[in-house]
Amino acid sequence: PRFRGGGIVRFGNQFGGYDKGTVPWSHFRIAYLQHASDPIVFFEP
């Protein structure tokens, strides 16, 4: 995902993704590292 242009939260995987923001990344940053094939992340009841 991209959330609000990537100003605070950005997502990446084994192929990158942290440079996909449309706005500058703030000094306070949250980065998620997740594979699209990770069932721990993408399981849902």
PDB file of all heavy atoms in Angstrom:
ATOM      1  N   PRO A   1       0.816  -1.217   0.000  1.00  0.00           N
ATOM      2  CA  PRO A   1       0.000   0.000   0.000  1.00  0.00           C
ATOM      3  C   PRO A   1       0.853   1.272   0.000  1.00  0.00           C
ATOM      4  O   PRO A   1       2.015   1.272   0.406  1.00  0.00           O
ATOM      5  CB  PRO A   1      -0.800  -0.112   1.301  1.00  0.00           C
ATOM      6  CG  PRO A   1      -0.552  -1.476   1.841  1.00  0.00           C
ATOM      7  CD  PRO A   1       0.745  -1.931   1.278  1.00  0.00           C
ATOM      8  N   ARG A   2       0.251   2.337  -0.428  1.00  0.00           N
ATOM      9  CA  ARG A   2       0.797   3.675  -0.211  1.00  0.00           C
ATOM     10  C   ARG A   2      -0.240   4.436   0.601  1.00  0.00           C
ATOM     11  O   ARG A   2      -1.417   4.473   0.239  1.00  0.00           O
ATOM     12  CB  ARG A   2       1.071   4.385  -1.534  1.00  0.00           C
ATOM     13  CG  ARG A   2       1.749   5.755  -1.337  1.00  0.00           C
ATOM     14  CD  ARG A   2       2.094   6.432  -2.652  1.00  0.00           C
ATOM     15  NE  ARG A   2       0.895   6.751  -3.421  1.00  0.00           N
ATOM     16  CZ  ARG A   2       0.553   6.166  -4.558  1.00  0.00           C
ATOM     17  NH1 ARG A   2       1.314   5.211  -5.077  1.00  0.00           N
ATOM     18  NH2 ARG A   2      -0.553   6.511  -5.195  1.00  0.00           N
ATOM     19  N   PHE A   3       0.204   5.030   1.707  1.00  0.00           N
ATOM     20  CA  PHE A   3      -0.723   5.677   2.640  1.00  0.00           C
ATOM     21  C   PHE A   3      -0.403   7.166   2.715  1.00  0.00           C
ATOM     22  O   PHE A   3       0.686   7.570   3.128  1.00  0.00           O
ATOM     23  CB  PHE A   3      -0.600   5.034   4.024  1.00  0.00           C
ATOM     24  CG  PHE A   3      -1.476   5.643   5.071  1.00  0.00           C
ATOM     25  CD1 PHE A   3      -2.859   5.466   5.034  1.00  0.00           C
ATOM     26  CD2 PHE A   3      -0.936   6.399   6.101  1.00  0.00           C
ATOM     27  CE1 PHE A   3      -3.669   6.033   6.005  1.00  0.00           C
ATOM     28  CE2 PHE A   3      -1.731   6.960   7.079  1.00  0.00           C
ATOM     29  CZ  PHE A   3      -3.115   6.780   7.025  1.00  0.00           C
ATOM     30  N   ARG A   4      -1.360   7.974   2.272  1.00  0.00           N
ATOM     31  CA  ARG A   4      -1.238   9.429   2.298  1.00  0.00           C
ATOM     32  C   ARG A   4       0.081   9.894   1.689  1.00  0.00           C
ATOM     33  O   ARG A   4       0.782  10.756   2.225  1.00  0.00           O
ATOM     34  CB  ARG A   4      -1.392   9.953   3.718  1.00  0.00           C
ATOM     35  CG  ARG A   4      -2.777   9.661   4.293  1.00  0.00           C
ATOM     36  CD  ARG A   4      -2.970  10.231   5.677  1.00  0.00           C
ATOM     37  NE  ARG A   4      -4.306   9.913   6.194  1.00  0.00           N
ATOM     38  CZ  ARG A   4      -4.746  10.263   7.393  1.00  0.00           C
ATOM     39  NH1 ARG A   4      -3.963  10.948   8.217  1.00  0.00           N
ATOM     40  NH2 ARG A   4      -5.963   9.933   7.781  1.00  0.00           N
ATOM     41  N   GLY A   5       0.403   9.297   0.568  1.00  0.00           N
ATOM     42  CA  GLY A   5       1.591   9.679  -0.171  1.00  0.00           C
ATOM     43  C   GLY A   5       2.889   9.159   0.400  1.00  0.00           C
ATOM     44  O   GLY A   5       3.963   9.404  -0.162  1.00  0.00           O
ATOM     45  N   GLY A   6       2.836   8.426   1.519  1.00  0.00           N
ATOM     46  CA  GLY A   6       4.057   7.921   2.137  1.00  0.00           C
ATOM     47  C   GLY A   6       4.756   8.941   3.012  1.00  0.00           C
ATOM     48  O   GLY A   6       5.970   8.847   3.232  1.00  0.00           O
ATOM     49  N   GLY A   7       4.012   9.903   3.537  1.00  0.00           N
ATOM     50  CA  GLY A   7       4.615  10.942   4.358  1.00  0.00           C
ATOM     51  C   GLY A   7       5.156  10.428   5.680  1.00  0.00           C
ATOM     52  O   GLY A   7       6.168  10.933   6.182  1.00  0.00           O
ATOM     53  N   ILE A   8       4.499   9.431   6.280  1.00  0.00           N
ATOM     54  CA  ILE A   8       4.946   8.853   7.549  1.00  0.00           C
ATOM     55  C   ILE A   8       5.156   7.350   7.414  1.00  0.00           C
ATOM     56  O   ILE A   8       6.197   6.827   7.809  1.00  0.00           O
ATOM     57  CB  ILE A   8       3.935   9.152   8.673  1.00  0.00           C
ATOM     58  CG1 ILE A   8       3.874  10.650   8.963  1.00  0.00           C
ATOM     59  CG2 ILE A   8       4.308   8.392   9.951  1.00  0.00           C
ATOM     60  CD1 ILE A   8       2.876  11.037  10.031  1.00  0.00           C
ATOM     61  N   VAL A   9       4.183   6.654   6.853  1.00  0.00           N
ATOM     62  CA  VAL A   9       4.230   5.196   6.756  1.00  0.00           C
ATOM     63  C   VAL A   9       4.561   4.788   5.328  1.00  0.00           C
ATOM     64  O   VAL A   9       3.944   5.276   4.372  1.00  0.00           O
ATOM     65  CB  VAL A   9       2.881   4.578   7.180  1.00  0.00           C
ATOM     66  CG1 VAL A   9       2.945   3.066   7.086  1.00  0.00           C
ATOM     67  CG2 VAL A   9       2.509   5.018   8.586  1.00  0.00           C
ATOM     68  N   ARG A  10       5.536   3.871   5.197  1.00  0.00           N
ATOM     69  CA  ARG A  10       5.866   3.319   3.885  1.00  0.00           C
ATOM     70  C   ARG A  10       6.023   1.807   3.985  1.00  0.00           C
ATOM     71  O   ARG A  10       6.410   1.283   5.035  1.00  0.00           O
ATOM     72  CB  ARG A  10       7.133   3.954   3.306  1.00  0.00           C
ATOM     73  CG  ARG A  10       6.955   5.432   2.970  1.00  0.00           C
ATOM     74  CD  ARG A  10       8.063   5.964   2.107  1.00  0.00           C
ATOM     75  NE  ARG A  10       7.871   7.391   1.837  1.00  0.00           N
ATOM     76  CZ  ARG A  10       8.643   8.116   1.048  1.00  0.00           C
ATOM     77  NH1 ARG A  10       9.689   7.548   0.440  1.00  0.00           N
ATOM     78  NH2 ARG A  10       8.394   9.410   0.859  1.00  0.00           N
ATOM     79  N   PHE A  11       5.736   1.152   2.875  1.00  0.00           N
ATOM     80  CA  PHE A  11       5.800  -0.299   2.800  1.00  0.00           C
ATOM     81  C   PHE A  11       6.871  -0.720   1.798  1.00  0.00           C
ATOM     82  O   PHE A  11       7.080  -0.045   0.783  1.00  0.00           O
ATOM     83  CB  PHE A  11       4.457  -0.878   2.359  1.00  0.00           C
ATOM     84  CG  PHE A  11       3.367  -0.757   3.385  1.00  0.00           C
ATOM     85  CD1 PHE A  11       2.696   0.442   3.577  1.00  0.00           C
ATOM     86  CD2 PHE A  11       3.011  -1.845   4.163  1.00  0.00           C
ATOM     87  CE1 PHE A  11       1.692   0.560   4.515  1.00  0.00           C
ATOM     88  CE2 PHE A  11       1.998  -1.741   5.106  1.00  0.00           C
ATOM     89  CZ  PHE A  11       1.341  -0.537   5.286  1.00  0.00           C
ATOM     90  N   GLY A  12       7.508  -1.844   2.090  1.00  0.00           N
ATOM     91  CA  GLY A  12       8.480  -2.407   1.170  1.00  0.00           C
ATOM     92  C   GLY A  12       8.465  -3.920   1.259  1.00  0.00           C
ATOM     93  O   GLY A  12       7.918  -4.507   2.195  1.00  0.00           O
ATOM     94  N   ASN A  13       9.079  -4.545   0.273  1.00  0.00           N
ATOM     95  CA  ASN A  13       9.215  -5.998   0.270  1.00  0.00           C
ATOM     96  C   ASN A  13      10.584  -6.363  -0.286  1.00  0.00           C
ATOM     97  O   ASN A  13      11.483  -5.524  -0.352  1.00  0.00           O
ATOM     98  CB  ASN A  13       8.079  -6.656  -0.526  1.00  0.00           C
ATOM     99  CG  ASN A  13       7.975  -6.119  -1.946  1.00  0.00           C
ATOM    100  OD1 ASN A  13       8.963  -5.657  -2.534  1.00  0.00           O
ATOM    101  ND2 ASN A  13       6.780  -6.164  -2.519  1.00  0.00           N
ATOM    102  N   GLN A  14      10.759  -7.621  -0.710  1.00  0.00           N
ATOM    103  CA  GLN A  14      12.059  -8.059  -1.195  1.00  0.00           C
ATOM    104  C   GLN A  14      12.449  -7.391  -2.511  1.00  0.00           C
ATOM    105  O   GLN A  14      13.598  -7.512  -2.950  1.00  0.00           O
ATOM    106  CB  GLN A  14      12.092  -9.586  -1.343  1.00  0.00           C
ATOM    107  CG  GLN A  14      11.165 -10.173  -2.407  1.00  0.00           C
ATOM    108  CD  GLN A  14       9.800 -10.514  -1.871  1.00  0.00           C
ATOM    109  OE1 GLN A  14       9.153  -9.675  -1.248  1.00  0.00           O
ATOM    110  NE2 GLN A  14       9.354 -11.737  -2.129  1.00  0.00           N
ATOM    111  N   PHE A  15      11.510  -6.678  -3.122  1.00  0.00           N
ATOM    112  CA  PHE A  15      11.788  -5.988  -4.378  1.00  0.00           C
ATOM    113  C   PHE A  15      11.869  -4.469  -4.195  1.00  0.00           C
ATOM    114  O   PHE A  15      11.915  -3.727  -5.168  1.00  0.00           O
ATOM    115  CB  PHE A  15      10.705  -6.332  -5.405  1.00  0.00           C
ATOM    116  CG  PHE A  15      10.556  -7.806  -5.634  1.00  0.00           C
ATOM    117  CD1 PHE A  15       9.498  -8.512  -5.058  1.00  0.00           C
ATOM    118  CD2 PHE A  15      11.473  -8.506  -6.395  1.00  0.00           C
ATOM    119  CE1 PHE A  15       9.364  -9.875  -5.247  1.00  0.00           C
ATOM    120  CE2 PHE A  15      11.353  -9.872  -6.591  1.00  0.00           C
ATOM    121  CZ  PHE A  15      10.294 -10.561  -6.020  1.00  0.00           C
ATOM    122  N   GLY A  16      11.875  -3.991  -2.955  1.00  0.00           N
ATOM    123  CA  GLY A  16      11.969  -2.558  -2.694  1.00  0.00           C
ATOM    124  C   GLY A  16      10.611  -1.973  -2.359  1.00  0.00           C
ATOM    125  O   GLY A  16       9.726  -2.647  -1.834  1.00  0.00           O
ATOM    126  N   GLY A  17      10.432  -0.684  -2.653  1.00  0.00           N
ATOM    127  CA  GLY A  17       9.155  -0.033  -2.424  1.00  0.00           C
ATOM    128  C   GLY A  17       9.216   1.197  -1.550  1.00  0.00           C
ATOM    129  O   GLY A  17       8.277   2.005  -1.524  1.00  0.00           O
ATOM    130  N   TYR A  18      10.325   1.372  -0.806  1.00  0.00           N
ATOM    131  CA  TYR A  18      10.388   2.491   0.129  1.00  0.00           C
ATOM    132  C   TYR A  18      10.589   3.832  -0.571  1.00  0.00           C
ATOM    133  O   TYR A  18      10.454   4.886   0.062  1.00  0.00           O
ATOM    134  CB  TYR A  18      11.511   2.262   1.139  1.00  0.00           C
ATOM    135  CG  TYR A  18      11.311   1.007   1.946  1.00  0.00           C
ATOM    136  CD1 TYR A  18      12.078  -0.126   1.712  1.00  0.00           C
ATOM    137  CD2 TYR A  18      10.326   0.936   2.929  1.00  0.00           C
ATOM    138  CE1 TYR A  18      11.889  -1.293   2.435  1.00  0.00           C
ATOM    139  CE2 TYR A  18      10.114  -0.215   3.654  1.00  0.00           C
ATOM    140  CZ  TYR A  18      10.909  -1.333   3.397  1.00  0.00           C
ATOM    141  OH  TYR A  18      10.699  -2.491   4.107  1.00  0.00           O
ATOM    142  N   ASP A  19      10.906   3.816  -1.847  1.00  0.00           N
ATOM    143  CA  ASP A  19      11.087   5.061  -2.596  1.00  0.00           C
ATOM    144  C   ASP A  19       9.843   5.441  -3.390  1.00  0.00           C
ATOM    145  O   ASP A  19       9.895   6.322  -4.250  1.00  0.00           O
ATOM    146  CB  ASP A  19      12.280   4.924  -3.552  1.00  0.00           C
ATOM    147  CG  ASP A  19      12.114   3.764  -4.523  1.00  0.00           C
ATOM    148  OD1 ASP A  19      11.213   2.923  -4.306  1.00  0.00           O
ATOM    149  OD2 ASP A  19      12.889   3.699  -5.503  1.00  0.00           O
ATOM    150  N   LYS A  20       8.722   4.800  -3.103  1.00  0.00           N
ATOM    151  CA  LYS A  20       7.507   5.011  -3.889  1.00  0.00           C
ATOM    152  C   LYS A  20       6.631   6.146  -3.372  1.00  0.00           C
ATOM    153  O   LYS A  20       5.539   6.368  -3.880  1.00  0.00           O
ATOM    154  CB  LYS A  20       6.674   3.715  -3.929  1.00  0.00           C
ATOM    155  CG  LYS A  20       7.411   2.497  -4.492  1.00  0.00           C
ATOM    156  CD  LYS A  20       7.836   2.713  -5.926  1.00  0.00           C
ATOM    157  CE  LYS A  20       8.498   1.457  -6.481  1.00  0.00           C
ATOM    158  NZ  LYS A  20       8.986   1.674  -7.874  1.00  0.00           N
ATOM    159  N   GLY A  21       7.087   6.862  -2.375  1.00  0.00           N
ATOM    160  CA  GLY A  21       6.271   7.932  -1.834  1.00  0.00           C
ATOM    161  C   GLY A  21       6.125   9.101  -2.803  1.00  0.00           C
ATOM    162  O   GLY A  21       7.029   9.389  -3.604  1.00  0.00           O
ATOM    163  N   THR A  22       4.991   9.765  -2.731  1.00  0.00           N
ATOM    164  CA  THR A  22       4.742  10.944  -3.568  1.00  0.00           C
ATOM    165  C   THR A  22       4.990  12.245  -2.819  1.00  0.00           C
ATOM    166  O   THR A  22       4.925  13.319  -3.404  1.00  0.00           O
ATOM    167  CB  THR A  22       3.298  10.928  -4.094  1.00  0.00           C
ATOM    168  OG1 THR A  22       2.395  10.908  -2.981  1.00  0.00           O
ATOM    169  CG2 THR A  22       3.057   9.702  -4.971  1.00  0.00           C
ATOM    170  N   VAL A  23       5.255  12.129  -1.514  1.00  0.00           N
ATOM    171  CA  VAL A  23       5.615  13.290  -0.693  1.00  0.00           C
ATOM    172  C   VAL A  23       6.859  12.912   0.102  1.00  0.00           C
ATOM    173  O   VAL A  23       7.158  11.730   0.287  1.00  0.00           O
ATOM    174  CB  VAL A  23       4.464  13.705   0.258  1.00  0.00           C
ATOM    175  CG1 VAL A  23       3.235  14.113  -0.524  1.00  0.00           C
ATOM    176  CG2 VAL A  23       4.138  12.572   1.226  1.00  0.00           C
ATOM    177  N   PRO A  24       7.636  13.897   0.589  1.00  0.00           N
ATOM    178  CA  PRO A  24       8.844  13.580   1.364  1.00  0.00           C
ATOM    179  C   PRO A  24       8.508  12.767   2.617  1.00  0.00           C
ATOM    180  O   PRO A  24       7.472  12.975   3.253  1.00  0.00           O
ATOM    181  CB  PRO A  24       9.414  14.960   1.714  1.00  0.00           C
ATOM    182  CG  PRO A  24       8.840  15.879   0.683  1.00  0.00           C
ATOM    183  CD  PRO A  24       7.486  15.356   0.359  1.00  0.00           C
ATOM    184  N   TRP A  25       9.422  11.871   2.963  1.00  0.00           N
ATOM    185  CA  TRP A  25       9.269  11.058   4.172  1.00  0.00           C
ATOM    186  C   TRP A  25       9.676  11.909   5.365  1.00  0.00           C
ATOM    187  O   TRP A  25      10.761  12.501   5.390  1.00  0.00           O
ATOM    188  CB  TRP A  25      10.143   9.811   4.072  1.00  0.00           C
ATOM    189  CG  TRP A  25       9.622   8.644   4.854  1.00  0.00           C
ATOM    190  CD1 TRP A  25       8.556   8.621   5.692  1.00  0.00           C
ATOM    191  CD2 TRP A  25      10.157   7.316   4.845  1.00  0.00           C
ATOM    192  NE1 TRP A  25       8.371   7.368   6.218  1.00  0.00           N
ATOM    193  CE2 TRP A  25       9.343   6.538   5.716  1.00  0.00           C
ATOM    194  CE3 TRP A  25      11.223   6.698   4.208  1.00  0.00           C
ATOM    195  CZ2 TRP A  25       9.586   5.193   5.958  1.00  0.00           C
ATOM    196  CZ3 TRP A  25      11.465   5.348   4.439  1.00  0.00           C
ATOM    197  CH2 TRP A  25      10.655   4.603   5.300  1.00  0.00           C
ATOM    198  N   SER A  26       8.821  11.982   6.367  1.00  0.00           N
ATOM    199  CA  SER A  26       9.047  12.855   7.520  1.00  0.00           C
ATOM    200  C   SER A  26      10.196  12.338   8.385  1.00  0.00           C
ATOM    201  O   SER A  26      10.729  11.245   8.172  1.00  0.00           O
ATOM    202  CB  SER A  26       7.768  12.945   8.352  1.00  0.00           C
ATOM    203  OG  SER A  26       7.498  11.684   8.946  1.00  0.00           O
ATOM    204  N   HIS A  27      10.564  13.135   9.394  1.00  0.00           N
ATOM    205  CA  HIS A  27      11.614  12.714  10.324  1.00  0.00           C
ATOM    206  C   HIS A  27      11.147  11.531  11.169  1.00  0.00           C
ATOM    207  O   HIS A  27      11.958  10.670  11.528  1.00  0.00           O
ATOM    208  CB  HIS A  27      12.023  13.891  11.213  1.00  0.00           C
ATOM    209  CG  HIS A  27      12.688  15.004  10.471  1.00  0.00           C
ATOM    210  ND1 HIS A  27      13.911  14.861   9.851  1.00  0.00           N
ATOM    211  CD2 HIS A  27      12.300  16.285  10.219  1.00  0.00           C
ATOM    212  CE1 HIS A  27      14.255  16.000   9.266  1.00  0.00           C
ATOM    213  NE2 HIS A  27      13.291  16.880   9.467  1.00  0.00           N
ATOM    214  N   PHE A  28       9.881  11.509  11.513  1.00  0.00           N
ATOM    215  CA  PHE A  28       9.309  10.346  12.209  1.00  0.00           C
ATOM    216  C   PHE A  28       8.792   9.379  11.153  1.00  0.00           C
ATOM    217  O   PHE A  28       7.910   9.723  10.368  1.00  0.00           O
ATOM    218  CB  PHE A  28       8.176  10.780  13.141  1.00  0.00           C
ATOM    219  CG  PHE A  28       7.462   9.621  13.781  1.00  0.00           C
ATOM    220  CD1 PHE A  28       8.069   8.875  14.781  1.00  0.00           C
ATOM    221  CD2 PHE A  28       6.183   9.259  13.370  1.00  0.00           C
ATOM    222  CE1 PHE A  28       7.420   7.803  15.368  1.00  0.00           C
ATOM    223  CE2 PHE A  28       5.524   8.185  13.957  1.00  0.00           C
ATOM    224  CZ  PHE A  28       6.141   7.458  14.958  1.00  0.00           C
ATOM    225  N   ARG A  29       9.342   8.174  11.134  1.00  0.00           N
ATOM    226  CA  ARG A  29       9.055   7.248  10.046  1.00  0.00           C
ATOM    227  C   ARG A  29       8.640   5.875  10.573  1.00  0.00           C
ATOM    228  O   ARG A  29       9.198   5.386  11.564  1.00  0.00           O
ATOM    229  CB  ARG A  29      10.294   7.068   9.160  1.00  0.00           C
ATOM    230  CG  ARG A  29      10.812   8.360   8.557  1.00  0.00           C
ATOM    231  CD  ARG A  29      12.066   8.113   7.754  1.00  0.00           C
ATOM    232  NE  ARG A  29      12.457   9.300   7.001  1.00  0.00           N
ATOM    233  CZ  ARG A  29      13.418   9.334   6.093  1.00  0.00           C
ATOM    234  NH1 ARG A  29      14.099   8.225   5.830  1.00  0.00           N
ATOM    235  NH2 ARG A  29      13.688  10.456   5.453  1.00  0.00           N
ATOM    236  N   ILE A  30       7.684   5.279   9.881  1.00  0.00           N
ATOM    237  CA  ILE A  30       7.309   3.892  10.133  1.00  0.00           C
ATOM    238  C   ILE A  30       7.481   3.131   8.830  1.00  0.00           C
ATOM    239  O   ILE A  30       6.936   3.523   7.791  1.00  0.00           O
ATOM    240  CB  ILE A  30       5.861   3.773  10.633  1.00  0.00           C
ATOM    241  CG1 ILE A  30       5.716   4.439  12.013  1.00  0.00           C
ATOM    242  CG2 ILE A  30       5.432   2.307  10.705  1.00  0.00           C
ATOM    243  CD1 ILE A  30       4.294   4.439  12.538  1.00  0.00           C
ATOM    244  N   ALA A  31       8.248   2.059   8.878  1.00  0.00           N
ATOM    245  CA  ALA A  31       8.479   1.226   7.704  1.00  0.00           C
ATOM    246  C   ALA A  31       7.949  -0.180   7.975  1.00  0.00           C
ATOM    247  O   ALA A  31       8.217  -0.758   9.033  1.00  0.00           O
ATOM    248  CB  ALA A  31       9.963   1.169   7.351  1.00  0.00           C
ATOM    249  N   TYR A  32       7.200  -0.704   7.028  1.00  0.00           N
ATOM    250  CA  TYR A  32       6.742  -2.089   7.088  1.00  0.00           C
ATOM    251  C   TYR A  32       7.506  -2.898   6.043  1.00  0.00           C
ATOM    252  O   TYR A  32       7.637  -2.478   4.888  1.00  0.00           O
ATOM    253  CB  TYR A  32       5.245  -2.187   6.797  1.00  0.00           C
ATOM    254  CG  TYR A  32       4.356  -1.789   7.946  1.00  0.00           C
ATOM    255  CD1 TYR A  32       3.732  -0.544   7.972  1.00  0.00           C
ATOM    256  CD2 TYR A  32       4.133  -2.657   9.014  1.00  0.00           C
ATOM    257  CE1 TYR A  32       2.910  -0.179   9.027  1.00  0.00           C
ATOM    258  CE2 TYR A  32       3.313  -2.295  10.072  1.00  0.00           C
ATOM    259  CZ  TYR A  32       2.706  -1.059  10.073  1.00  0.00           C
ATOM    260  OH  TYR A  32       1.900  -0.696  11.116  1.00  0.00           O
ATOM    261  N   LEU A  33       8.007  -4.039   6.466  1.00  0.00           N
ATOM    262  CA  LEU A  33       8.630  -4.995   5.553  1.00  0.00           C
ATOM    263  C   LEU A  33       7.736  -6.219   5.501  1.00  0.00           C
ATOM    264  O   LEU A  33       7.545  -6.894   6.513  1.00  0.00           O
ATOM    265  CB  LEU A  33      10.034  -5.359   6.042  1.00  0.00           C
ATOM    266  CG  LEU A  33      10.759  -6.484   5.287  1.00  0.00           C
ATOM    267  CD1 LEU A  33      10.897  -6.165   3.808  1.00  0.00           C
ATOM    268  CD2 LEU A  33      12.132  -6.748   5.917  1.00  0.00           C
ATOM    269  N   GLN A  34       7.173  -6.490   4.336  1.00  0.00           N
ATOM    270  CA  GLN A  34       6.240  -7.611   4.213  1.00  0.00           C
ATOM    271  C   GLN A  34       6.307  -8.195   2.811  1.00  0.00           C
ATOM    272  O   GLN A  34       6.389  -7.476   1.828  1.00  0.00           O
ATOM    273  CB  GLN A  34       4.814  -7.156   4.518  1.00  0.00           C
ATOM    274  CG  GLN A  34       4.302  -6.043   3.604  1.00  0.00           C
ATOM    275  CD  GLN A  34       2.951  -5.504   4.022  1.00  0.00           C
ATOM    276  OE1 GLN A  34       2.688  -5.279   5.197  1.00  0.00           O
ATOM    277  NE2 GLN A  34       2.072  -5.303   3.043  1.00  0.00           N
ATOM    278  N   HIS A  35       6.272  -9.513   2.753  1.00  0.00           N
ATOM    279  CA  HIS A  35       6.206 -10.201   1.469  1.00  0.00           C
ATOM    280  C   HIS A  35       4.744 -10.403   1.082  1.00  0.00           C
ATOM    281  O   HIS A  35       3.907 -10.692   1.951  1.00  0.00           O
ATOM    282  CB  HIS A  35       6.887 -11.569   1.550  1.00  0.00           C
ATOM    283  CG  HIS A  35       8.350 -11.492   1.852  1.00  0.00           C
ATOM    284  ND1 HIS A  35       9.023 -12.476   2.550  1.00  0.00           N
ATOM    285  CD2 HIS A  35       9.288 -10.544   1.548  1.00  0.00           C
ATOM    286  CE1 HIS A  35      10.298 -12.153   2.655  1.00  0.00           C
ATOM    287  NE2 HIS A  35      10.478 -10.975   2.064  1.00  0.00           N
ATOM    288  N   ALA A  36       4.456 -10.276  -0.196  1.00  0.00           N
ATOM    289  CA  ALA A  36       3.081 -10.511  -0.651  1.00  0.00           C
ATOM    290  C   ALA A  36       2.648 -11.947  -0.403  1.00  0.00           C
ATOM    291  O   ALA A  36       1.453 -12.243  -0.364  1.00  0.00           O
ATOM    292  CB  ALA A  36       2.965 -10.172  -2.138  1.00  0.00           C
ATOM    293  N   SER A  37       3.619 -12.850  -0.224  1.00  0.00           N
ATOM    294  CA  SER A  37       3.322 -14.265  -0.001  1.00  0.00           C
ATOM    295  C   SER A  37       3.342 -14.651   1.474  1.00  0.00           C
ATOM    296  O   SER A  37       3.352 -15.842   1.797  1.00  0.00           O
ATOM    297  CB  SER A  37       4.349 -15.121  -0.760  1.00  0.00           C
ATOM    298  OG  SER A  37       5.686 -14.768  -0.391  1.00  0.00           O
ATOM    299  N   ASP A  38       3.341 -13.687   2.383  1.00  0.00           N
ATOM    300  CA  ASP A  38       3.407 -13.975   3.814  1.00  0.00           C
ATOM    301  C   ASP A  38       2.004 -14.227   4.369  1.00  0.00           C
ATOM    302  O   ASP A  38       1.208 -13.296   4.513  1.00  0.00           O
ATOM    303  CB  ASP A  38       4.056 -12.798   4.547  1.00  0.00           C
ATOM    304  CG  ASP A  38       4.354 -13.118   6.003  1.00  0.00           C
ATOM    305  OD1 ASP A  38       3.780 -14.082   6.538  1.00  0.00           O
ATOM    306  OD2 ASP A  38       5.168 -12.391   6.613  1.00  0.00           O
ATOM    307  N   PRO A  39       1.676 -15.472   4.739  1.00  0.00           N
ATOM    308  CA  PRO A  39       0.331 -15.758   5.248  1.00  0.00           C
ATOM    309  C   PRO A  39       0.096 -15.197   6.644  1.00  0.00           C
ATOM    310  O   PRO A  39      -1.058 -14.967   7.025  1.00  0.00           O
ATOM    311  CB  PRO A  39       0.279 -17.292   5.252  1.00  0.00           C
ATOM    312  CG  PRO A  39       1.707 -17.708   5.386  1.00  0.00           C
ATOM    313  CD  PRO A  39       2.508 -16.683   4.660  1.00  0.00           C
ATOM    314  N   ILE A  40       1.154 -14.973   7.430  1.00  0.00           N
ATOM    315  CA  ILE A  40       0.986 -14.371   8.746  1.00  0.00           C
ATOM    316  C   ILE A  40       0.415 -12.964   8.593  1.00  0.00           C
ATOM    317  O   ILE A  40      -0.398 -12.500   9.402  1.00  0.00           O
ATOM    318  CB  ILE A  40       2.324 -14.315   9.497  1.00  0.00           C
ATOM    319  CG1 ILE A  40       2.906 -15.713   9.681  1.00  0.00           C
ATOM    320  CG2 ILE A  40       2.162 -13.610  10.837  1.00  0.00           C
ATOM    321  CD1 ILE A  40       2.108 -16.613  10.582  1.00  0.00           C
ATOM    322  N   VAL A  41       0.822 -12.281   7.530  1.00  0.00           N
ATOM    323  CA  VAL A  41       0.352 -10.926   7.272  1.00  0.00           C
ATOM    324  C   VAL A  41      -1.029 -10.934   6.626  1.00  0.00           C
ATOM    325  O   VAL A  41      -1.926 -10.173   7.015  1.00  0.00           O
ATOM    326  CB  VAL A  41       1.347 -10.168   6.365  1.00  0.00           C
ATOM    327  CG1 VAL A  41       0.832  -8.764   6.046  1.00  0.00           C
ATOM    328  CG2 VAL A  41       2.724 -10.097   7.014  1.00  0.00           C
ATOM    329  N   PHE A  42      -1.230 -11.806   5.651  1.00  0.00           N
ATOM    330  CA  PHE A  42      -2.403 -11.682   4.785  1.00  0.00           C
ATOM    331  C   PHE A  42      -3.505 -12.706   5.049  1.00  0.00           C
ATOM    332  O   PHE A  42      -4.485 -12.750   4.306  1.00  0.00           O
ATOM    333  CB  PHE A  42      -1.972 -11.733   3.317  1.00  0.00           C
ATOM    334  CG  PHE A  42      -1.167 -10.527   2.919  1.00  0.00           C
ATOM    335  CD1 PHE A  42       0.194 -10.626   2.682  1.00  0.00           C
ATOM    336  CD2 PHE A  42      -1.761  -9.287   2.842  1.00  0.00           C
ATOM    337  CE1 PHE A  42       0.938  -9.506   2.349  1.00  0.00           C
ATOM    338  CE2 PHE A  42      -1.023  -8.160   2.508  1.00  0.00           C
ATOM    339  CZ  PHE A  42       0.328  -8.271   2.252  1.00  0.00           C
ATOM    340  N   PHE A  43      -3.359 -13.506   6.101  1.00  0.00           N
ATOM    341  CA  PHE A  43      -4.511 -14.301   6.524  1.00  0.00           C
ATOM    342  C   PHE A  43      -5.590 -13.366   7.059  1.00  0.00           C
ATOM    343  O   PHE A  43      -5.300 -12.355   7.693  1.00  0.00           O
ATOM    344  CB  PHE A  43      -4.113 -15.284   7.620  1.00  0.00           C
ATOM    345  CG  PHE A  43      -5.291 -15.999   8.233  1.00  0.00           C
ATOM    346  CD1 PHE A  43      -5.827 -17.108   7.619  1.00  0.00           C
ATOM    347  CD2 PHE A  43      -5.873 -15.539   9.401  1.00  0.00           C
ATOM    348  CE1 PHE A  43      -6.927 -17.763   8.174  1.00  0.00           C
ATOM    349  CE2 PHE A  43      -6.969 -16.176   9.965  1.00  0.00           C
ATOM    350  CZ  PHE A  43      -7.490 -17.302   9.337  1.00  0.00           C
ATOM    351  N   GLU A  44      -6.819 -13.697   6.781  1.00  0.00           N
ATOM    352  CA  GLU A  44      -7.928 -12.962   7.390  1.00  0.00           C
ATOM    353  C   GLU A  44      -9.121 -13.887   7.539  1.00  0.00           C
ATOM    354  O   GLU A  44      -9.467 -14.643   6.622  1.00  0.00           O
ATOM    355  CB  GLU A  44      -8.306 -11.739   6.561  1.00  0.00           C
ATOM    356  CG  GLU A  44      -8.667 -11.994   5.118  1.00  0.00           C
ATOM    357  CD  GLU A  44      -8.999 -10.698   4.386  1.00  0.00           C
ATOM    358  OE1 GLU A  44      -8.079  -9.987   3.988  1.00  0.00           O
ATOM    359  OE2 GLU A  44     -10.203 -10.420   4.227  1.00  0.00           O
ATOM    360  N   PRO A  45      -9.764 -13.896   8.719  1.00  0.00           N
ATOM    361  CA  PRO A  45     -10.915 -14.778   8.925  1.00  0.00           C
ATOM    362  C   PRO A  45     -12.032 -14.525   7.926  1.00  0.00           C
ATOM    363  O   PRO A  45     -12.794 -15.445   7.599  1.00  0.00           O
ATOM    364  CB  PRO A  45     -11.359 -14.434  10.356  1.00  0.00           C
ATOM    365  CG  PRO A  45     -10.153 -13.849  11.008  1.00  0.00           C
ATOM    366  CD  PRO A  45      -9.413 -13.135   9.926  1.00  0.00           C
TER     367      PRO A  45
END
